[in-house]
Each structure stands twice: as structure tokens, then as C-alpha cells.
Amino acid sequence: MVIEPPFSEDIQLKASGQAALMLLEALIIDLIETGVLSPDRAIDSIQTVVETKQQLVADEKEDEVGRCAIGKLLVIENSLRSISYQSSSPLQRLKADG
């Protein structure tokens, strides 16, 4: 059993967010690699979340945390695009690059 020193509420919140994001990305990648989820479907899901967050920011229902979340989601989306690119056929990659 790991006994942690008392961390501030801010540190605990940041650590929880970081751990959740890392776990989510790992699970999505695992689902893609096992063929349960296609890269395109995962990317579409992330794009939907990004669009929702962008609307919330535009409507001033979210602040800088929302803008930062959008950036984090886009990093994951780019990572998944890399997986999608690597798993595509040479002809599909030529079309994507062209």
C-alpha cells in the first residue's frame, strides 16, 4: 500500500486530471490496436468534444480551463491521427499526403 504525503487540493485536482487523461488516451489506443475501435471513430469522438468545448468557451460558460482542455484534446487527436496514418495502406498514405 502506498502512503502519500498530504498534498494540497490544487495538486490533487491536477494529478487527478493528468492521470485521467493519460488513462483515457491509453485505453483509446488499446481499443484501436485490438480492433475494437477505429482511429477515425475515436478522432470523430474527440472532435465532437472539442466542438462542444469551443461552443462553451464562445458562450462564456467556460474560461481558460476550457481553452486549455481543448488544447489537451487536440494533442490526443493528433496522436490518434498518427496511429491512423501508420496503420493505413501505402496508397491511403499517398492520398493523405497528396
N, C-alpha and C. Protein backbone atom coordinates (compact mmCIF):
# COMPACT_ATOMS: atom_id res chain seq x y z
N MET A 1 0.83 -1.18 0.00
CA MET A 1 0.00 0.00 0.00
C MET A 1 0.88 1.24 0.00
N VAL A 2 0.57 2.16 -0.89
CA VAL A 2 1.33 3.40 -0.99
C VAL A 2 0.69 4.46 -0.09
N ILE A 3 1.50 5.03 0.77
CA ILE A 3 1.01 6.10 1.63
C ILE A 3 1.56 7.41 1.08
N GLU A 4 0.65 8.29 0.70
CA GLU A 4 1.06 9.57 0.10
C GLU A 4 1.11 10.65 1.16
N PRO A 5 2.05 11.56 1.02
CA PRO A 5 2.05 12.71 1.92
C PRO A 5 0.83 13.58 1.61
N PRO A 6 0.42 14.38 2.54
CA PRO A 6 -0.76 15.23 2.28
C PRO A 6 -0.43 16.27 1.20
N PHE A 7 -1.16 16.20 0.11
CA PHE A 7 -0.99 17.16 -0.98
C PHE A 7 -2.11 18.19 -0.90
N SER A 8 -1.82 19.36 -1.42
CA SER A 8 -2.84 20.40 -1.45
C SER A 8 -3.99 19.97 -2.36
N GLU A 9 -5.12 20.58 -2.19
CA GLU A 9 -6.28 20.27 -3.02
C GLU A 9 -5.99 20.57 -4.49
N ASP A 10 -5.26 21.65 -4.74
CA ASP A 10 -4.91 22.02 -6.12
C ASP A 10 -4.04 20.94 -6.78
N ILE A 11 -3.04 20.45 -6.06
CA ILE A 11 -2.16 19.40 -6.59
C ILE A 11 -2.96 18.13 -6.82
N GLN A 12 -3.84 17.78 -5.90
CA GLN A 12 -4.65 16.57 -6.06
C GLN A 12 -5.56 16.68 -7.29
N LEU A 13 -6.14 17.85 -7.50
CA LEU A 13 -7.01 18.06 -8.66
C LEU A 13 -6.22 17.95 -9.96
N LYS A 14 -5.07 18.57 -10.01
CA LYS A 14 -4.23 18.50 -11.22
C LYS A 14 -3.76 17.07 -11.47
N ALA A 15 -3.36 16.37 -10.42
CA ALA A 15 -2.89 14.98 -10.56
C ALA A 15 -4.03 14.08 -11.04
N SER A 16 -5.22 14.31 -10.53
CA SER A 16 -6.38 13.51 -10.97
C SER A 16 -6.67 13.73 -12.45
N GLY A 17 -6.63 14.98 -12.87
CA GLY A 17 -6.87 15.29 -14.28
C GLY A 17 -5.80 14.68 -15.17
N GLN A 18 -4.56 14.78 -14.77
CA GLN A 18 -3.46 14.22 -15.54
C GLN A 18 -3.57 12.71 -15.65
N ALA A 19 -3.85 12.06 -14.53
CA ALA A 19 -3.98 10.60 -14.54
C ALA A 19 -5.16 10.16 -15.41
N ALA A 20 -6.27 10.87 -15.31
CA ALA A 20 -7.46 10.53 -16.10
C ALA A 20 -7.18 10.69 -17.60
N LEU A 21 -6.52 11.76 -17.97
CA LEU A 21 -6.21 11.99 -19.38
C LEU A 21 -5.26 10.93 -19.92
N MET A 22 -4.24 10.59 -19.15
CA MET A 22 -3.29 9.56 -19.58
C MET A 22 -3.98 8.20 -19.72
N LEU A 23 -4.84 7.88 -18.76
CA LEU A 23 -5.56 6.61 -18.81
C LEU A 23 -6.50 6.57 -20.01
N LEU A 24 -7.21 7.66 -20.26
CA LEU A 24 -8.12 7.73 -21.39
C LEU A 24 -7.37 7.51 -22.70
N GLU A 25 -6.27 8.20 -22.88
CA GLU A 25 -5.50 8.04 -24.12
C GLU A 25 -5.00 6.61 -24.27
N ALA A 26 -4.51 6.01 -23.18
CA ALA A 26 -4.02 4.63 -23.24
C ALA A 26 -5.13 3.66 -23.60
N LEU A 27 -6.31 3.87 -23.03
CA LEU A 27 -7.45 2.99 -23.33
C LEU A 27 -7.90 3.13 -24.78
N ILE A 28 -7.95 4.36 -25.27
CA ILE A 28 -8.34 4.57 -26.68
C ILE A 28 -7.34 3.88 -27.60
N ILE A 29 -6.06 4.05 -27.33
CA ILE A 29 -5.03 3.42 -28.17
C ILE A 29 -5.15 1.90 -28.11
N ASP A 30 -5.39 1.37 -26.91
CA ASP A 30 -5.54 -0.09 -26.77
C ASP A 30 -6.76 -0.58 -27.56
N LEU A 31 -7.86 0.14 -27.48
CA LEU A 31 -9.07 -0.23 -28.23
C LEU A 31 -8.82 -0.19 -29.74
N ILE A 32 -8.04 0.77 -30.18
CA ILE A 32 -7.71 0.85 -31.61
C ILE A 32 -6.81 -0.31 -32.01
N GLU A 33 -5.78 -0.56 -31.21
CA GLU A 33 -4.82 -1.61 -31.55
C GLU A 33 -5.45 -3.00 -31.53
N THR A 34 -6.49 -3.20 -30.72
CA THR A 34 -7.16 -4.51 -30.68
C THR A 34 -8.30 -4.59 -31.69
N GLY A 35 -8.54 -3.53 -32.42
CA GLY A 35 -9.55 -3.54 -33.46
C GLY A 35 -10.97 -3.31 -32.98
N VAL A 36 -11.13 -2.96 -31.72
CA VAL A 36 -12.46 -2.70 -31.17
C VAL A 36 -12.99 -1.34 -31.63
N LEU A 37 -12.09 -0.41 -31.83
CA LEU A 37 -12.44 0.97 -32.19
C LEU A 37 -11.56 1.41 -33.34
N SER A 38 -12.14 2.04 -34.33
CA SER A 38 -11.32 2.53 -35.44
C SER A 38 -10.73 3.89 -35.07
N PRO A 39 -9.55 4.20 -35.61
CA PRO A 39 -8.97 5.52 -35.34
C PRO A 39 -9.91 6.65 -35.76
N ASP A 40 -10.58 6.48 -36.89
CA ASP A 40 -11.49 7.53 -37.37
C ASP A 40 -12.64 7.77 -36.39
N ARG A 41 -13.17 6.70 -35.83
CA ARG A 41 -14.27 6.83 -34.86
C ARG A 41 -13.78 7.54 -33.60
N ALA A 42 -12.59 7.20 -33.15
CA ALA A 42 -12.03 7.85 -31.96
C ALA A 42 -11.79 9.33 -32.23
N ILE A 43 -11.25 9.64 -33.40
CA ILE A 43 -10.99 11.03 -33.78
C ILE A 43 -12.31 11.81 -33.86
N ASP A 44 -13.33 11.20 -34.44
CA ASP A 44 -14.64 11.85 -34.52
C ASP A 44 -15.19 12.17 -33.13
N SER A 45 -15.01 11.25 -32.20
CA SER A 45 -15.48 11.48 -30.84
C SER A 45 -14.76 12.65 -30.19
N ILE A 46 -13.46 12.70 -30.39
CA ILE A 46 -12.68 13.80 -29.82
C ILE A 46 -13.10 15.12 -30.46
N GLN A 47 -13.30 15.12 -31.78
CA GLN A 47 -13.72 16.34 -32.46
C GLN A 47 -15.06 16.84 -31.93
N THR A 48 -15.96 15.92 -31.61
CA THR A 48 -17.26 16.31 -31.04
C THR A 48 -17.07 17.00 -29.70
N VAL A 49 -16.19 16.45 -28.87
CA VAL A 49 -15.92 17.05 -27.56
C VAL A 49 -15.27 18.43 -27.74
N VAL A 50 -14.32 18.53 -28.67
CA VAL A 50 -13.65 19.81 -28.93
C VAL A 50 -14.67 20.86 -29.37
N GLU A 51 -15.55 20.49 -30.29
CA GLU A 51 -16.57 21.43 -30.77
C GLU A 51 -17.49 21.88 -29.63
N THR A 52 -17.85 20.95 -28.75
CA THR A 52 -18.69 21.29 -27.60
C THR A 52 -17.96 22.25 -26.68
N LYS A 53 -16.69 21.95 -26.38
CA LYS A 53 -15.91 22.84 -25.51
C LYS A 53 -15.74 24.21 -26.15
N GLN A 54 -15.50 24.26 -27.46
CA GLN A 54 -15.35 25.54 -28.14
C GLN A 54 -16.62 26.37 -28.02
N GLN A 55 -17.78 25.72 -28.14
CA GLN A 55 -19.04 26.44 -28.02
C GLN A 55 -19.24 26.96 -26.59
N LEU A 56 -18.87 26.15 -25.61
CA LEU A 56 -18.98 26.59 -24.22
C LEU A 56 -18.07 27.78 -23.95
N VAL A 57 -16.88 27.77 -24.50
CA VAL A 57 -15.95 28.90 -24.35
C VAL A 57 -16.53 30.13 -25.04
N ALA A 58 -17.04 29.94 -26.26
CA ALA A 58 -17.61 31.06 -27.02
C ALA A 58 -18.81 31.67 -26.29
N ASP A 59 -19.60 30.81 -25.63
CA ASP A 59 -20.76 31.29 -24.88
C ASP A 59 -20.39 31.80 -23.49
N GLU A 60 -19.10 31.81 -23.20
CA GLU A 60 -18.55 32.26 -21.92
C GLU A 60 -19.07 31.44 -20.74
N LYS A 61 -19.36 30.16 -21.01
CA LYS A 61 -19.76 29.25 -19.94
C LYS A 61 -18.54 28.52 -19.38
N GLU A 62 -17.41 28.66 -20.07
CA GLU A 62 -16.14 28.11 -19.60
C GLU A 62 -15.06 29.16 -19.78
N ASP A 63 -14.03 29.07 -18.96
CA ASP A 63 -12.96 30.06 -19.00
C ASP A 63 -11.68 29.46 -19.55
N GLU A 64 -10.56 29.87 -19.01
CA GLU A 64 -9.27 29.39 -19.51
C GLU A 64 -9.09 27.89 -19.32
N VAL A 65 -9.75 27.30 -18.36
CA VAL A 65 -9.68 25.84 -18.19
C VAL A 65 -10.26 25.15 -19.41
N GLY A 66 -11.36 25.67 -19.92
CA GLY A 66 -11.96 25.11 -21.13
C GLY A 66 -11.05 25.23 -22.32
N ARG A 67 -10.40 26.38 -22.46
CA ARG A 67 -9.46 26.57 -23.58
C ARG A 67 -8.27 25.63 -23.45
N CYS A 68 -7.80 25.44 -22.24
CA CYS A 68 -6.68 24.53 -22.01
C CYS A 68 -7.10 23.09 -22.32
N ALA A 69 -8.32 22.72 -21.94
CA ALA A 69 -8.83 21.37 -22.20
C ALA A 69 -8.88 21.11 -23.70
N ILE A 70 -9.29 22.12 -24.47
CA ILE A 70 -9.32 21.98 -25.93
C ILE A 70 -7.93 21.64 -26.45
N GLY A 71 -6.92 22.34 -25.94
CA GLY A 71 -5.54 22.06 -26.36
C GLY A 71 -5.12 20.64 -26.03
N LYS A 72 -5.48 20.16 -24.85
CA LYS A 72 -5.13 18.79 -24.45
C LYS A 72 -5.82 17.78 -25.35
N LEU A 73 -7.08 18.02 -25.66
CA LEU A 73 -7.82 17.12 -26.55
C LEU A 73 -7.21 17.09 -27.94
N LEU A 74 -6.77 18.23 -28.44
CA LEU A 74 -6.16 18.29 -29.77
C LEU A 74 -4.85 17.53 -29.82
N VAL A 75 -4.11 17.51 -28.72
CA VAL A 75 -2.87 16.71 -28.66
C VAL A 75 -3.20 15.23 -28.81
N ILE A 76 -4.24 14.78 -28.11
CA ILE A 76 -4.65 13.38 -28.23
C ILE A 76 -5.14 13.09 -29.64
N GLU A 77 -5.90 14.01 -30.21
CA GLU A 77 -6.39 13.82 -31.58
C GLU A 77 -5.21 13.66 -32.54
N ASN A 78 -4.20 14.49 -32.41
CA ASN A 78 -3.03 14.38 -33.29
C ASN A 78 -2.31 13.05 -33.09
N SER A 79 -2.25 12.58 -31.85
CA SER A 79 -1.64 11.29 -31.57
C SER A 79 -2.41 10.17 -32.28
N LEU A 80 -3.73 10.25 -32.24
CA LEU A 80 -4.56 9.23 -32.90
C LEU A 80 -4.47 9.33 -34.41
N ARG A 81 -4.32 10.53 -34.93
CA ARG A 81 -4.13 10.68 -36.37
C ARG A 81 -2.83 9.99 -36.81
N SER A 82 -1.81 10.05 -35.97
CA SER A 82 -0.55 9.37 -36.26
C SER A 82 -0.76 7.87 -36.31
N ILE A 83 -1.53 7.33 -35.38
CA ILE A 83 -1.82 5.90 -35.38
C ILE A 83 -2.60 5.53 -36.64
N SER A 84 -3.58 6.35 -36.97
CA SER A 84 -4.39 6.10 -38.16
C SER A 84 -3.53 6.11 -39.41
N TYR A 85 -2.61 7.06 -39.48
CA TYR A 85 -1.71 7.18 -40.63
C TYR A 85 -0.81 5.95 -40.72
N GLN A 86 -0.24 5.54 -39.60
CA GLN A 86 0.68 4.41 -39.59
C GLN A 86 0.00 3.10 -39.95
N SER A 87 -1.30 2.98 -39.60
CA SER A 87 -1.99 1.72 -39.87
C SER A 87 -2.65 1.70 -41.25
N SER A 88 -2.58 2.81 -41.97
CA SER A 88 -3.19 2.84 -43.31
C SER A 88 -2.25 2.21 -44.33
N SER A 89 -2.83 1.87 -45.46
CA SER A 89 -2.04 1.26 -46.53
C SER A 89 -1.17 2.32 -47.19
N PRO A 90 -0.11 1.90 -47.91
CA PRO A 90 0.74 2.89 -48.60
C PRO A 90 -0.07 3.79 -49.55
N LEU A 91 -1.06 3.23 -50.24
CA LEU A 91 -1.87 4.04 -51.16
C LEU A 91 -2.68 5.07 -50.38
N GLN A 92 -3.25 4.68 -49.25
CA GLN A 92 -4.01 5.62 -48.43
C GLN A 92 -3.10 6.73 -47.91
N ARG A 93 -1.85 6.39 -47.54
CA ARG A 93 -0.92 7.40 -47.05
C ARG A 93 -0.55 8.38 -48.16
N LEU A 94 -0.37 7.88 -49.39
CA LEU A 94 -0.06 8.77 -50.50
C LEU A 94 -1.21 9.74 -50.74
N LYS A 95 -2.42 9.26 -50.69
CA LYS A 95 -3.59 10.13 -50.88
C LYS A 95 -3.68 11.17 -49.76
N ALA A 96 -3.41 10.76 -48.54
CA ALA A 96 -3.47 11.67 -47.40
C ALA A 96 -2.38 12.74 -47.49
N ASP A 97 -1.21 12.36 -47.99
CA ASP A 97 -0.10 13.30 -48.10
C ASP A 97 -0.26 14.23 -49.30
N GLY A 98 -0.98 13.76 -50.30
CA GLY A 98 -1.07 14.49 -51.57
C GLY A 98 -2.03 15.59 -51.52
